Amino acid sequence: MASALPTSLSVTTELTGPAVHETAAGASPTIRSVVLCATPGAGEDVVARVFEACGLGTPRPWLDVRRVAPALLARWELTELDEYLAALQGQRTTAGGIFGLVLHWHDLRRVHRQVAGLRQPTAQRMLDIVEILAPQPVFVRVRRADRSAHVDALQALEQDDDAAPDRSASELARVRARIDATEIVWTQWFDAIGVKPRAVVYEDVVADATVVRDLAGDIVRALADA
């Protein structure tokens, strides 16, 4: 089984121009994307399932090299990043042409290093990469209001074994600092690219899933205008 994303993006993959999803009927609607941007542990997996139930793609962290990408790479027997992206868009796009992605900043940085090497990861370059991964994106920012619960969730995600988590003050401070730093990066990036993402709070979704259903109408209109 592969242990990481493929290491190259071929020059045949353009930074501009729509990706196409071939439907069973032979039609070729342009792919439009819903991108849930989150710091790991923000409850984005739960939010993604509600988005899926609303018909907004099947958002998952497809670039997660620990839990998601390796299994798909092995299943599809792929070795190149552009092949993986094409397969994702082909296999995980709805019949209506909506592709969903849960995006974590560290995964985006990893892809940037693989396709751009040592070039500076400018805000525009990062956006170019996102638009390859998820064409014509509508961005949704997912946050968790309960910081203590977020720390617990992220710590559990980082843990590789069944050992009891380290609850020392220094470790909890490290996890909190990672959350804070990542949230700042998301804010700075959206400001730099001039995008105001839709906003979803995990606790609001858990309390009343119609929060997402109400937002879904706005997103569908935005996708239609993309």
C-alpha atoms as a PDB file:
ATOM      1  CA  MET A   1       0.000   0.000   0.000  1.00  0.00           C
ATOM      2  CA  ALA A   2       1.251   3.442  -0.863  1.00  0.00           C
ATOM      3  CA  SER A   3       2.342   5.535   2.088  1.00  0.00           C
ATOM      4  CA  ALA A   4       2.156   9.014   0.610  1.00  0.00           C
ATOM      5  CA  LEU A   5       0.750  11.020  -2.218  1.00  0.00           C
ATOM      6  CA  PRO A   6       2.396  10.596  -5.614  1.00  0.00           C
ATOM      7  CA  THR A   7       5.377  12.847  -6.039  1.00  0.00           C
ATOM      8  CA  SER A   8       4.720  14.740  -9.248  1.00  0.00           C
ATOM      9  CA  LEU A   9       2.162  16.747 -11.157  1.00  0.00           C
ATOM     10  CA  SER A  10       2.651  16.373 -14.888  1.00  0.00           C
ATOM     11  CA  VAL A  11       2.966  19.423 -17.092  1.00  0.00           C
ATOM     12  CA  THR A  12      -0.176  18.331 -18.936  1.00  0.00           C
ATOM     13  CA  THR A  13      -2.308  19.413 -15.961  1.00  0.00           C
ATOM     14  CA  GLU A  14      -3.276  23.040 -16.475  1.00  0.00           C
ATOM     15  CA  LEU A  15      -3.748  25.556 -13.689  1.00  0.00           C
ATOM     16  CA  THR A  16      -6.731  26.943 -15.571  1.00  0.00           C
ATOM     17  CA  GLY A  17      -9.538  25.363 -17.514  1.00  0.00           C
ATOM     18  CA  PRO A  18     -12.383  23.248 -16.184  1.00  0.00           C
ATOM     19  CA  ALA A  19     -12.047  19.625 -15.286  1.00  0.00           C
ATOM     20  CA  VAL A  20     -14.742  17.430 -16.794  1.00  0.00           C
ATOM     21  CA  HIS A  21     -16.705  14.573 -15.256  1.00  0.00           C
ATOM     22  CA  GLU A  22     -17.991  11.985 -17.718  1.00  0.00           C
ATOM     23  CA  THR A  23     -21.448  10.866 -16.642  1.00  0.00           C
ATOM     24  CA  ALA A  24     -23.002   7.526 -17.492  1.00  0.00           C
ATOM     25  CA  ALA A  25     -25.098   9.227 -20.146  1.00  0.00           C
ATOM     26  CA  GLY A  26     -22.011  10.640 -21.812  1.00  0.00           C
ATOM     27  CA  ALA A  27     -22.639  14.247 -20.822  1.00  0.00           C
ATOM     28  CA  SER A  28     -19.734  16.336 -19.581  1.00  0.00           C
ATOM     29  CA  PRO A  29     -20.823  18.909 -16.992  1.00  0.00           C
ATOM     30  CA  THR A  30     -18.163  21.198 -15.601  1.00  0.00           C
ATOM     31  CA  ILE A  31     -17.113  20.208 -12.095  1.00  0.00           C
ATOM     32  CA  ARG A  32     -17.858  22.723  -9.373  1.00  0.00           C
ATOM     33  CA  SER A  33     -16.539  22.162  -5.886  1.00  0.00           C
ATOM     34  CA  VAL A  34     -17.431  22.602  -2.245  1.00  0.00           C
ATOM     35  CA  VAL A  35     -14.287  22.942  -0.129  1.00  0.00           C
ATOM     36  CA  LEU A  36     -14.577  22.656   3.654  1.00  0.00           C
ATOM     37  CA  CYS A  37     -11.518  24.331   5.179  1.00  0.00           C
ATOM     38  CA  ALA A  38     -10.755  23.352   8.751  1.00  0.00           C
ATOM     39  CA  THR A  39      -8.164  22.795  11.399  1.00  0.00           C
ATOM     40  CA  PRO A  40      -8.138  19.040  12.170  1.00  0.00           C
ATOM     41  CA  GLY A  41     -10.462  18.149  15.012  1.00  0.00           C
ATOM     42  CA  ALA A  42     -12.919  20.964  14.299  1.00  0.00           C
ATOM     43  CA  GLY A  43     -15.733  18.487  13.675  1.00  0.00           C
ATOM     44  CA  GLU A  44     -15.310  18.754   9.931  1.00  0.00           C
ATOM     45  CA  ASP A  45     -16.035  15.045   9.456  1.00  0.00           C
ATOM     46  CA  VAL A  46     -19.513  15.462  10.954  1.00  0.00           C
ATOM     47  CA  VAL A  47     -20.136  18.643   8.981  1.00  0.00           C
ATOM     48  CA  ALA A  48     -19.001  16.874   5.799  1.00  0.00           C
ATOM     49  CA  ARG A  49     -21.569  14.113   6.296  1.00  0.00           C
ATOM     50  CA  VAL A  50     -24.349  16.661   6.636  1.00  0.00           C
ATOM     51  CA  PHE A  51     -23.145  18.420   3.475  1.00  0.00           C
ATOM     52  CA  GLU A  52     -23.208  15.076   1.697  1.00  0.00           C
ATOM     53  CA  ALA A  53     -26.767  14.449   2.876  1.00  0.00           C
ATOM     54  CA  CYS A  54     -27.680  17.841   1.390  1.00  0.00           C
ATOM     55  CA  GLY A  55     -26.311  16.785  -2.002  1.00  0.00           C
ATOM     56  CA  LEU A  56     -23.176  18.931  -1.805  1.00  0.00           C
ATOM     57  CA  GLY A  57     -20.678  16.323  -2.971  1.00  0.00           C
ATOM     58  CA  THR A  58     -18.917  13.815  -0.748  1.00  0.00           C
ATOM     59  CA  PRO A  59     -16.441  16.025   1.113  1.00  0.00           C
ATOM     60  CA  ARG A  60     -13.595  14.035   2.656  1.00  0.00           C
ATOM     61  CA  PRO A  61      -9.926  14.817   3.399  1.00  0.00           C
ATOM     62  CA  TRP A  62      -8.838  13.171   0.141  1.00  0.00           C
ATOM     63  CA  LEU A  63      -5.274  14.454   0.576  1.00  0.00           C
ATOM     64  CA  ASP A  64      -4.808  12.962   4.047  1.00  0.00           C
ATOM     65  CA  VAL A  65      -1.683  10.858   3.476  1.00  0.00           C
ATOM     66  CA  ARG A  66      -2.138   8.905   6.721  1.00  0.00           C
ATOM     67  CA  ARG A  67      -5.763   7.783   6.541  1.00  0.00           C
ATOM     68  CA  VAL A  68      -7.346   8.389   3.139  1.00  0.00           C
ATOM     69  CA  ALA A  69      -5.005   8.834   0.169  1.00  0.00           C
ATOM     70  CA  PRO A  70      -2.925   5.652   0.615  1.00  0.00           C
ATOM     71  CA  ALA A  71      -5.958   3.364   0.453  1.00  0.00           C
ATOM     72  CA  LEU A  72      -7.316   5.028  -2.670  1.00  0.00           C
ATOM     73  CA  LEU A  73      -3.913   5.064  -4.360  1.00  0.00           C
ATOM     74  CA  ALA A  74      -3.587   1.355  -3.737  1.00  0.00           C
ATOM     75  CA  ARG A  75      -7.158   0.596  -4.809  1.00  0.00           C
ATOM     76  CA  TRP A  76      -6.820   2.562  -8.039  1.00  0.00           C
ATOM     77  CA  GLU A  77      -3.185   1.484  -8.644  1.00  0.00           C
ATOM     78  CA  LEU A  78      -2.005   5.024  -9.285  1.00  0.00           C
ATOM     79  CA  THR A  79       1.473   6.517  -9.083  1.00  0.00           C
ATOM     80  CA  GLU A  80       1.127  10.127 -10.243  1.00  0.00           C
ATOM     81  CA  LEU A  81      -0.603  13.047  -8.581  1.00  0.00           C
ATOM     82  CA  ASP A  82      -2.470  14.189 -11.684  1.00  0.00           C
ATOM     83  CA  GLU A  83      -3.789  10.641 -12.150  1.00  0.00           C
ATOM     84  CA  TYR A  84      -4.964  10.633  -8.541  1.00  0.00           C
ATOM     85  CA  LEU A  85      -6.737  13.977  -8.944  1.00  0.00           C
ATOM     86  CA  ALA A  86      -8.425  12.837 -12.141  1.00  0.00           C
ATOM     87  CA  ALA A  87      -9.550   9.624 -10.448  1.00  0.00           C
ATOM     88  CA  LEU A  88     -10.860  11.541  -7.428  1.00  0.00           C
ATOM     89  CA  GLN A  89     -12.822  13.928  -9.600  1.00  0.00           C
ATOM     90  CA  GLY A  90     -14.132  11.058 -11.695  1.00  0.00           C
ATOM     91  CA  GLN A  91     -15.018   8.743  -8.814  1.00  0.00           C
ATOM     92  CA  ARG A  92     -16.095  11.253  -6.175  1.00  0.00           C
ATOM     93  CA  THR A  93     -18.042  13.826  -8.191  1.00  0.00           C
ATOM     94  CA  THR A  94     -21.835  13.677  -8.012  1.00  0.00           C
ATOM     95  CA  ALA A  95     -23.968  13.119 -11.100  1.00  0.00           C
ATOM     96  CA  GLY A  96     -24.775  16.822 -10.867  1.00  0.00           C
ATOM     97  CA  GLY A  97     -21.102  17.726 -11.170  1.00  0.00           C
ATOM     98  CA  ILE A  98     -20.317  18.645  -7.533  1.00  0.00           C
ATOM     99  CA  PHE A  99     -16.987  17.591  -6.041  1.00  0.00           C
ATOM    100  CA  GLY A 100     -16.459  17.834  -2.278  1.00  0.00           C
ATOM    101  CA  LEU A 101     -13.176  18.226  -0.423  1.00  0.00           C
ATOM    102  CA  VAL A 102     -12.256  18.625   3.243  1.00  0.00           C
ATOM    103  CA  LEU A 103      -9.048  20.644   3.159  1.00  0.00           C
ATOM    104  CA  HIS A 104      -6.496  20.873   5.945  1.00  0.00           C
ATOM    105  CA  TRP A 105      -3.727  23.436   5.623  1.00  0.00           C
ATOM    106  CA  HIS A 106      -0.900  20.964   6.256  1.00  0.00           C
ATOM    107  CA  ASP A 107      -2.196  18.750   3.428  1.00  0.00           C
ATOM    108  CA  LEU A 108      -2.272  21.723   1.061  1.00  0.00           C
ATOM    109  CA  ARG A 109       1.288  22.639   2.043  1.00  0.00           C
ATOM    110  CA  ARG A 110       2.381  19.056   1.389  1.00  0.00           C
ATOM    111  CA  VAL A 111       0.901  19.096  -2.105  1.00  0.00           C
ATOM    112  CA  HIS A 112       2.548  22.465  -2.769  1.00  0.00           C
ATOM    113  CA  ARG A 113       5.949  21.053  -1.840  1.00  0.00           C
ATOM    114  CA  GLN A 114       5.417  18.131  -4.196  1.00  0.00           C
ATOM    115  CA  VAL A 115       4.315  20.174  -7.194  1.00  0.00           C
ATOM    116  CA  ALA A 116       6.272  23.389  -6.648  1.00  0.00           C
ATOM    117  CA  GLY A 117       9.411  22.223  -4.857  1.00  0.00           C
ATOM    118  CA  LEU A 118      11.240  25.065  -3.156  1.00  0.00           C
ATOM    119  CA  ARG A 119       9.199  27.851  -4.694  1.00  0.00           C
ATOM    120  CA  GLN A 120       7.667  30.218  -2.176  1.00  0.00           C
ATOM    121  CA  PRO A 121       4.120  29.121  -1.234  1.00  0.00           C
ATOM    122  CA  THR A 122       2.423  32.410  -2.066  1.00  0.00           C
ATOM    123  CA  ALA A 123      -1.281  32.841  -1.467  1.00  0.00           C
ATOM    124  CA  GLN A 124      -1.974  32.822  -5.203  1.00  0.00           C
ATOM    125  CA  ARG A 125       0.041  29.647  -5.793  1.00  0.00           C
ATOM    126  CA  MET A 126      -1.851  27.918  -3.019  1.00  0.00           C
ATOM    127  CA  LEU A 127      -5.129  29.030  -4.590  1.00  0.00           C
ATOM    128  CA  ASP A 128      -3.970  27.753  -7.993  1.00  0.00           C
ATOM    129  CA  ILE A 129      -3.333  24.342  -6.441  1.00  0.00           C
ATOM    130  CA  VAL A 130      -6.715  24.306  -4.706  1.00  0.00           C
ATOM    131  CA  GLU A 131      -8.405  25.066  -8.022  1.00  0.00           C
ATOM    132  CA  ILE A 132      -6.662  22.065  -9.564  1.00  0.00           C
ATOM    133  CA  LEU A 133      -7.757  19.855  -6.677  1.00  0.00           C
ATOM    134  CA  ALA A 134     -11.276  21.288  -6.555  1.00  0.00           C
ATOM    135  CA  PRO A 135     -12.295  23.214  -9.689  1.00  0.00           C
ATOM    136  CA  GLN A 136     -14.398  26.370  -9.290  1.00  0.00           C
ATOM    137  CA  PRO A 137     -14.501  26.128  -5.495  1.00  0.00           C
ATOM    138  CA  VAL A 138     -16.991  27.557  -3.061  1.00  0.00           C
ATOM    139  CA  PHE A 139     -15.175  27.774   0.281  1.00  0.00           C
ATOM    140  CA  VAL A 140     -16.746  26.947   3.642  1.00  0.00           C
ATOM    141  CA  ARG A 141     -14.789  27.474   6.832  1.00  0.00           C
ATOM    142  CA  VAL A 142     -15.542  24.999   9.607  1.00  0.00           C
ATOM    143  CA  ARG A 143     -14.711  25.920  13.189  1.00  0.00           C
ATOM    144  CA  ARG A 144     -15.267  24.466  16.633  1.00  0.00           C
ATOM    145  CA  ALA A 145     -16.366  26.841  19.358  1.00  0.00           C
ATOM    146  CA  ASP A 146     -15.409  24.566  22.287  1.00  0.00           C
ATOM    147  CA  ARG A 147     -11.617  24.921  22.450  1.00  0.00           C
ATOM    148  CA  SER A 148     -11.182  22.175  25.032  1.00  0.00           C
ATOM    149  CA  ALA A 149     -13.121  19.717  22.880  1.00  0.00           C
ATOM    150  CA  HIS A 150     -11.089  20.791  19.857  1.00  0.00           C
ATOM    151  CA  VAL A 151      -7.852  20.153  21.725  1.00  0.00           C
ATOM    152  CA  ASP A 152      -9.072  16.694  22.759  1.00  0.00           C
ATOM    153  CA  ALA A 153     -10.160  15.836  19.215  1.00  0.00           C
ATOM    154  CA  LEU A 154      -6.910  16.978  17.626  1.00  0.00           C
ATOM    155  CA  GLN A 155      -4.846  15.162  20.221  1.00  0.00           C
ATOM    156  CA  ALA A 156      -6.762  11.968  19.486  1.00  0.00           C
ATOM    157  CA  LEU A 157      -6.150  12.397  15.749  1.00  0.00           C
ATOM    158  CA  GLU A 158      -2.437  12.860  16.312  1.00  0.00           C
ATOM    159  CA  GLN A 159      -2.170   9.717  18.416  1.00  0.00           C
ATOM    160  CA  ASP A 160      -0.834   6.661  16.565  1.00  0.00           C
ATOM    161  CA  ASP A 161      -1.468   4.045  19.247  1.00  0.00           C
ATOM    162  CA  ASP A 162      -3.832   3.142  22.070  1.00  0.00           C
ATOM    163  CA  ALA A 163      -1.685   4.682  24.790  1.00  0.00           C
ATOM    164  CA  ALA A 164      -3.291   7.174  27.128  1.00  0.00           C
ATOM    165  CA  PRO A 165      -2.987  10.714  25.750  1.00  0.00           C
ATOM    166  CA  ASP A 166      -0.446  13.042  27.277  1.00  0.00           C
ATOM    167  CA  ARG A 167      -2.480  15.500  29.325  1.00  0.00           C
ATOM    168  CA  SER A 168       0.473  17.477  30.626  1.00  0.00           C
ATOM    169  CA  ALA A 169       0.209  21.238  30.567  1.00  0.00           C
ATOM    170  CA  SER A 170       3.006  21.510  28.014  1.00  0.00           C
ATOM    171  CA  GLU A 171       1.375  19.046  25.627  1.00  0.00           C
ATOM    172  CA  LEU A 172      -2.029  20.697  25.867  1.00  0.00           C
ATOM    173  CA  ALA A 173      -0.384  24.064  25.260  1.00  0.00           C
ATOM    174  CA  ARG A 174       1.320  22.656  22.143  1.00  0.00           C
ATOM    175  CA  VAL A 175      -1.967  21.397  20.728  1.00  0.00           C
ATOM    176  CA  ARG A 176      -3.729  24.680  21.490  1.00  0.00           C
ATOM    177  CA  ALA A 177      -0.900  26.552  19.801  1.00  0.00           C
ATOM    178  CA  ARG A 178      -1.231  24.392  16.687  1.00  0.00           C
ATOM    179  CA  ILE A 179      -4.954  25.096  16.522  1.00  0.00           C
ATOM    180  CA  ASP A 180      -4.445  28.834  16.987  1.00  0.00           C
ATOM    181  CA  ALA A 181      -1.641  28.999  14.412  1.00  0.00           C
ATOM    182  CA  THR A 182      -3.651  27.108  11.808  1.00  0.00           C
ATOM    183  CA  GLU A 183      -6.731  29.269  12.306  1.00  0.00           C
ATOM    184  CA  ILE A 184      -4.568  32.358  11.815  1.00  0.00           C
ATOM    185  CA  VAL A 185      -3.117  30.920   8.613  1.00  0.00           C
ATOM    186  CA  TRP A 186      -6.586  30.240   7.209  1.00  0.00           C
ATOM    187  CA  THR A 187      -7.679  33.791   8.046  1.00  0.00           C
ATOM    188  CA  GLN A 188      -4.576  35.323   6.477  1.00  0.00           C
ATOM    189  CA  TRP A 189      -4.901  33.196   3.345  1.00  0.00           C
ATOM    190  CA  PHE A 190      -8.545  34.053   2.757  1.00  0.00           C
ATOM    191  CA  ASP A 191      -7.733  37.741   3.283  1.00  0.00           C
ATOM    192  CA  ALA A 192      -4.826  37.495   0.822  1.00  0.00           C
ATOM    193  CA  ILE A 193      -6.895  35.908  -1.946  1.00  0.00           C
ATOM    194  CA  GLY A 194      -9.840  38.200  -1.337  1.00  0.00           C
ATOM    195  CA  VAL A 195     -12.329  35.469  -0.469  1.00  0.00           C
ATOM    196  CA  LYS A 196     -14.914  35.578   2.300  1.00  0.00           C
ATOM    197  CA  PRO A 197     -15.766  31.927   2.971  1.00  0.00           C
ATOM    198  CA  ARG A 198     -19.131  30.736   4.177  1.00  0.00           C
ATOM    199  CA  ALA A 199     -18.929  29.897   7.882  1.00  0.00           C
ATOM    200  CA  VAL A 200     -20.125  26.852   9.800  1.00  0.00           C
ATOM    201  CA  VAL A 201     -19.684  26.175  13.514  1.00  0.00           C
ATOM    202  CA  TYR A 202     -19.573  22.495  14.456  1.00  0.00           C
ATOM    203  CA  GLU A 203     -21.648  22.881  17.608  1.00  0.00           C
ATOM    204  CA  ASP A 204     -24.398  24.654  15.643  1.00  0.00           C
ATOM    205  CA  VAL A 205     -24.574  21.746  13.197  1.00  0.00           C
ATOM    206  CA  VAL A 206     -24.762  19.180  16.000  1.00  0.00           C
ATOM    207  CA  ALA A 207     -27.530  21.139  17.696  1.00  0.00           C
ATOM    208  CA  ASP A 208     -29.538  21.649  14.507  1.00  0.00           C
ATOM    209  CA  ALA A 209     -28.488  20.153  11.170  1.00  0.00           C
ATOM    210  CA  THR A 210     -30.859  22.510   9.357  1.00  0.00           C
ATOM    211  CA  VAL A 211     -28.075  25.083   9.773  1.00  0.00           C
ATOM    212  CA  VAL A 212     -26.314  23.334   6.904  1.00  0.00           C
ATOM    213  CA  ARG A 213     -29.505  22.765   4.952  1.00  0.00           C
ATOM    214  CA  ASP A 214     -30.205  26.498   5.086  1.00  0.00           C
ATOM    215  CA  LEU A 215     -26.638  27.207   3.952  1.00  0.00           C
ATOM    216  CA  ALA A 216     -26.935  24.608   1.189  1.00  0.00           C
ATOM    217  CA  GLY A 217     -29.330  26.757  -0.806  1.00  0.00           C
ATOM    218  CA  ASP A 218     -26.856  29.637  -0.779  1.00  0.00           C
ATOM    219  CA  ILE A 219     -24.028  27.319  -1.821  1.00  0.00           C
ATOM    220  CA  VAL A 220     -26.045  25.794  -4.659  1.00  0.00           C
ATOM    221  CA  ARG A 221     -26.723  29.303  -5.998  1.00  0.00           C
ATOM    222  CA  ALA A 222     -23.024  30.142  -5.720  1.00  0.00           C
ATOM    223  CA  LEU A 223     -22.092  26.946  -7.568  1.00  0.00           C
ATOM    224  CA  ALA A 224     -24.554  27.802 -10.328  1.00  0.00           C
ATOM    225  CA  ASP A 225     -22.937  31.216 -10.706  1.00  0.00           C
ATOM    226  CA  ALA A 226     -19.360  29.827 -10.713  1.00  0.00           C
END
